[in-house]
Amino acid sequence: MKILLAPGRTTLAQLETVYRNKFRFELTPDSFDAVRVGESRLTDRLKSGETIYGVNTGFGKLASVRIDDENLVNLQRNLVRSHCAGFG
């Protein structure tokens, strides 16, 4: 079985089904458009010098610590790794 996931229309039940049953899923074409729009907005905000929690700052007690631009890729990579560490 394959589940179709769409921005703004995907339910938690669908995500749970994909996760628990290891069902295949497919993203709708407008999913990719939504990702591009989000990326563009985020990039624009970063270029303006805006401080964005968790994007160019630390987390929790380090929320007020701004991360240098040259370390942002490592910050985001480590964020993904830390969230994946608990899943087999």
Protein backbone atom coordinates (compact mmCIF):
# COMPACT_ATOMS: atom_id res chain seq x y z
CA MET A 1 0.00 0.00 0.00
CA LYS A 2 1.17 3.54 -0.74
CA ILE A 3 -0.11 6.69 0.95
CA LEU A 4 -0.17 10.07 -0.80
CA LEU A 5 1.01 12.93 1.44
CA ALA A 6 0.07 16.53 0.63
CA PRO A 7 0.87 19.84 2.34
CA GLY A 8 -1.97 20.97 4.56
CA ARG A 9 -3.95 17.81 3.89
CA THR A 10 -1.85 15.07 5.49
CA THR A 11 -3.31 13.79 8.74
CA LEU A 12 -1.50 12.50 11.80
CA ALA A 13 -3.27 9.19 11.22
CA GLN A 14 -1.68 8.94 7.77
CA LEU A 15 1.77 9.69 9.17
CA GLU A 16 1.27 7.13 11.92
CA THR A 17 0.20 4.52 9.36
CA VAL A 18 3.31 5.15 7.27
CA TYR A 19 5.53 4.99 10.36
CA ARG A 20 4.02 2.02 12.16
CA ASN A 21 3.30 -0.14 9.14
CA LYS A 22 6.28 0.91 7.06
CA PHE A 23 3.96 1.79 4.20
CA ARG A 24 5.39 3.46 1.17
CA PHE A 25 4.41 7.06 0.63
CA GLU A 26 4.53 9.57 -2.15
CA LEU A 27 4.54 13.35 -1.99
CA THR A 28 2.16 15.32 -4.18
CA PRO A 29 3.73 17.68 -6.74
CA ASP A 30 2.55 20.68 -4.72
CA SER A 31 4.59 19.35 -1.79
CA PHE A 32 7.75 20.30 -3.61
CA ASP A 33 6.37 23.75 -4.39
CA ALA A 34 5.61 24.25 -0.70
CA VAL A 35 9.17 23.25 0.24
CA ARG A 36 10.58 25.73 -2.29
CA VAL A 37 8.38 28.54 -0.94
CA GLY A 38 9.44 27.76 2.63
CA GLU A 39 13.09 27.63 1.65
CA SER A 40 12.83 30.98 -0.14
CA ARG A 41 11.17 32.65 2.86
CA LEU A 42 13.75 31.26 5.25
CA THR A 43 16.64 32.25 3.00
CA ASP A 44 15.29 35.79 2.70
CA ARG A 45 14.99 36.10 6.48
CA LEU A 46 18.52 34.81 6.99
CA LYS A 47 19.93 37.18 4.37
CA SER A 48 18.27 40.09 6.19
CA GLY A 49 20.28 39.19 9.30
CA GLU A 50 17.26 38.12 11.32
CA THR A 51 17.87 35.85 14.29
CA ILE A 52 15.68 32.74 14.05
CA TYR A 53 15.49 30.31 16.96
CA GLY A 54 16.96 26.93 16.08
CA VAL A 55 17.99 28.03 12.61
CA ASN A 56 20.84 30.36 13.49
CA THR A 57 20.73 30.12 17.30
CA GLY A 58 21.34 27.39 19.81
CA PHE A 59 18.49 25.61 21.58
CA GLY A 60 17.06 25.80 25.09
CA LYS A 61 19.49 27.64 27.36
CA LEU A 62 21.57 28.49 24.28
CA ALA A 63 18.64 30.13 22.48
CA SER A 64 20.27 33.54 22.84
CA VAL A 65 23.57 32.34 21.35
CA ARG A 66 23.86 33.27 17.68
CA ILE A 67 25.63 30.68 15.52
CA ASP A 68 28.13 31.99 12.97
CA ASP A 69 27.00 31.69 9.35
CA GLU A 70 29.86 29.31 8.55
CA ASN A 71 28.58 26.87 11.20
CA LEU A 72 24.90 26.84 10.22
CA VAL A 73 25.18 23.76 8.03
CA ASN A 74 26.76 21.83 10.91
CA LEU A 75 24.07 23.08 13.31
CA GLN A 76 21.27 21.85 11.06
CA ARG A 77 23.04 18.56 10.26
CA ASN A 78 23.51 17.89 13.97
CA LEU A 79 19.87 18.74 14.65
CA VAL A 80 18.72 16.12 12.15
CA ARG A 81 21.17 13.59 13.57
CA SER A 82 20.02 14.19 17.15
CA HIS A 83 16.38 13.69 16.17
CA CYS A 84 17.19 10.50 14.27
CA ALA A 85 19.35 8.97 17.00
CA GLY A 86 16.43 7.39 18.85
CA PHE A 87 14.98 5.58 15.84
CA GLY A 88 16.32 2.19 14.83
